[in-house]
C-alpha atoms as a PDB file:
ATOM      1  CA  UNK A   1     -22.997   9.244 -10.005  1.00  0.00           C
ATOM      2  CA  UNK A   2     -21.696   8.924  -6.510  1.00  0.00           C
ATOM      3  CA  UNK A   3     -20.833   5.951  -4.454  1.00  0.00           C
ATOM      4  CA  UNK A   4     -20.992   2.342  -5.577  1.00  0.00           C
ATOM      5  CA  UNK A   5     -24.161   0.566  -4.537  1.00  0.00           C
ATOM      6  CA  UNK A   6     -24.794  -3.018  -3.513  1.00  0.00           C
ATOM      7  CA  UNK A   7     -25.840  -4.060  -7.021  1.00  0.00           C
ATOM      8  CA  UNK A   8     -22.604  -2.792  -8.553  1.00  0.00           C
ATOM      9  CA  UNK A   9     -20.495  -4.551  -5.919  1.00  0.00           C
ATOM     10  CA  UNK A  10     -22.301  -7.839  -6.578  1.00  0.00           C
ATOM     11  CA  UNK A  11     -21.788  -7.493 -10.332  1.00  0.00           C
ATOM     12  CA  UNK A  12     -18.064  -6.805  -9.846  1.00  0.00           C
ATOM     13  CA  UNK A  13     -17.718  -9.826  -7.537  1.00  0.00           C
ATOM     14  CA  UNK A  14     -19.525 -12.042 -10.057  1.00  0.00           C
ATOM     15  CA  UNK A  15     -17.221 -10.917 -12.875  1.00  0.00           C
ATOM     16  CA  UNK A  16     -14.129 -11.521 -10.737  1.00  0.00           C
ATOM     17  CA  UNK A  17     -15.414 -14.983  -9.824  1.00  0.00           C
ATOM     18  CA  UNK A  18     -16.010 -15.810 -13.488  1.00  0.00           C
ATOM     19  CA  UNK A  19     -12.597 -14.527 -14.582  1.00  0.00           C
ATOM     20  CA  UNK A  20     -10.430 -16.101 -11.893  1.00  0.00           C
ATOM     21  CA  UNK A  21     -12.464 -19.022 -10.581  1.00  0.00           C
ATOM     22  CA  UNK A  22     -13.055 -20.041  -6.989  1.00  0.00           C
ATOM     23  CA  UNK A  23      -9.620 -21.545  -6.383  1.00  0.00           C
ATOM     24  CA  UNK A  24      -7.585 -18.495  -7.392  1.00  0.00           C
ATOM     25  CA  UNK A  25      -9.472 -15.860  -5.386  1.00  0.00           C
ATOM     26  CA  UNK A  26      -8.008 -16.786  -1.959  1.00  0.00           C
ATOM     27  CA  UNK A  27      -4.506 -16.636  -3.459  1.00  0.00           C
ATOM     28  CA  UNK A  28      -5.244 -13.239  -4.988  1.00  0.00           C
ATOM     29  CA  UNK A  29      -6.605 -11.868  -1.708  1.00  0.00           C
ATOM     30  CA  UNK A  30      -3.595 -13.194   0.224  1.00  0.00           C
ATOM     31  CA  UNK A  31      -1.258 -11.495  -2.241  1.00  0.00           C
ATOM     32  CA  UNK A  32      -3.231  -8.273  -2.073  1.00  0.00           C
ATOM     33  CA  UNK A  33      -3.207  -8.315   1.740  1.00  0.00           C
ATOM     34  CA  UNK A  34       0.536  -8.916   1.958  1.00  0.00           C
ATOM     35  CA  UNK A  35       1.161  -6.166  -0.589  1.00  0.00           C
ATOM     36  CA  UNK A  36      -0.869  -3.671   1.424  1.00  0.00           C
ATOM     37  CA  UNK A  37       0.925  -4.737   4.621  1.00  0.00           C
ATOM     38  CA  UNK A  38       4.339  -4.219   3.008  1.00  0.00           C
ATOM     39  CA  UNK A  39       3.272  -0.826   1.673  1.00  0.00           C
ATOM     40  CA  UNK A  40       2.132   0.318   5.127  1.00  0.00           C
ATOM     41  CA  UNK A  41       5.373  -0.881   6.723  1.00  0.00           C
ATOM     42  CA  UNK A  42       7.444   0.897   4.090  1.00  0.00           C
ATOM     43  CA  UNK A  43       5.442   4.095   4.569  1.00  0.00           C
ATOM     44  CA  UNK A  44       5.951   3.920   8.360  1.00  0.00           C
ATOM     45  CA  UNK A  45       9.686   3.316   8.001  1.00  0.00           C
ATOM     46  CA  UNK A  46      10.059   6.182   5.532  1.00  0.00           C
ATOM     47  CA  UNK A  47       8.379   8.880   7.645  1.00  0.00           C
ATOM     48  CA  UNK A  48      10.941   9.088  10.496  1.00  0.00           C
ATOM     49  CA  UNK A  49      13.787   9.177   7.967  1.00  0.00           C
ATOM     50  CA  UNK A  50      12.227  12.190   6.248  1.00  0.00           C
ATOM     51  CA  UNK A  51      11.752  14.012   9.564  1.00  0.00           C
ATOM     52  CA  UNK A  52      15.384  13.405  10.558  1.00  0.00           C
ATOM     53  CA  UNK A  53      16.607  14.721   7.205  1.00  0.00           C
ATOM     54  CA  UNK A  54      14.498  17.876   7.540  1.00  0.00           C
ATOM     55  CA  UNK A  55      15.734  18.514  11.080  1.00  0.00           C
ATOM     56  CA  UNK A  56      19.318  17.905  10.093  1.00  0.00           C
ATOM     57  CA  UNK A  57      19.231  20.184   7.069  1.00  0.00           C
ATOM     58  CA  UNK A  58      17.426  22.908   9.034  1.00  0.00           C
ATOM     59  CA  UNK A  59      20.051  23.018  11.776  1.00  0.00           C
ATOM     60  CA  UNK A  60      22.901  23.183   9.257  1.00  0.00           C
ATOM     61  CA  UNK A  61      21.222  26.085   7.482  1.00  0.00           C
ATOM     62  CA  UNK A  62      20.824  28.029  10.728  1.00  0.00           C
ATOM     63  CA  UNK A  63      24.399  27.586  11.904  1.00  0.00           C
ATOM     64  CA  UNK A  64      25.921  28.200   8.484  1.00  0.00           C
ATOM     65  CA  UNK A  65      27.674  24.834   8.315  1.00  0.00           C
ATOM     66  CA  UNK A  66      28.099  23.222   4.937  1.00  0.00           C
ATOM     67  CA  UNK A  67      28.222  19.493   4.145  1.00  0.00           C
END
């Protein structure tokens, strides 16, 4: 009960091929790839904003200034 083996991967691919057909799979993969790309870009854009907020709130707490 660990990792997925070659046999399991082949069975999953066969089921996907039967469910969606050969013509739909490239469209599905393109959509999946663009979704992952957008998620990564959003995660990158969000990280600097969080760091700036933490730095800004930390300096206000040290100096005693209120917003």
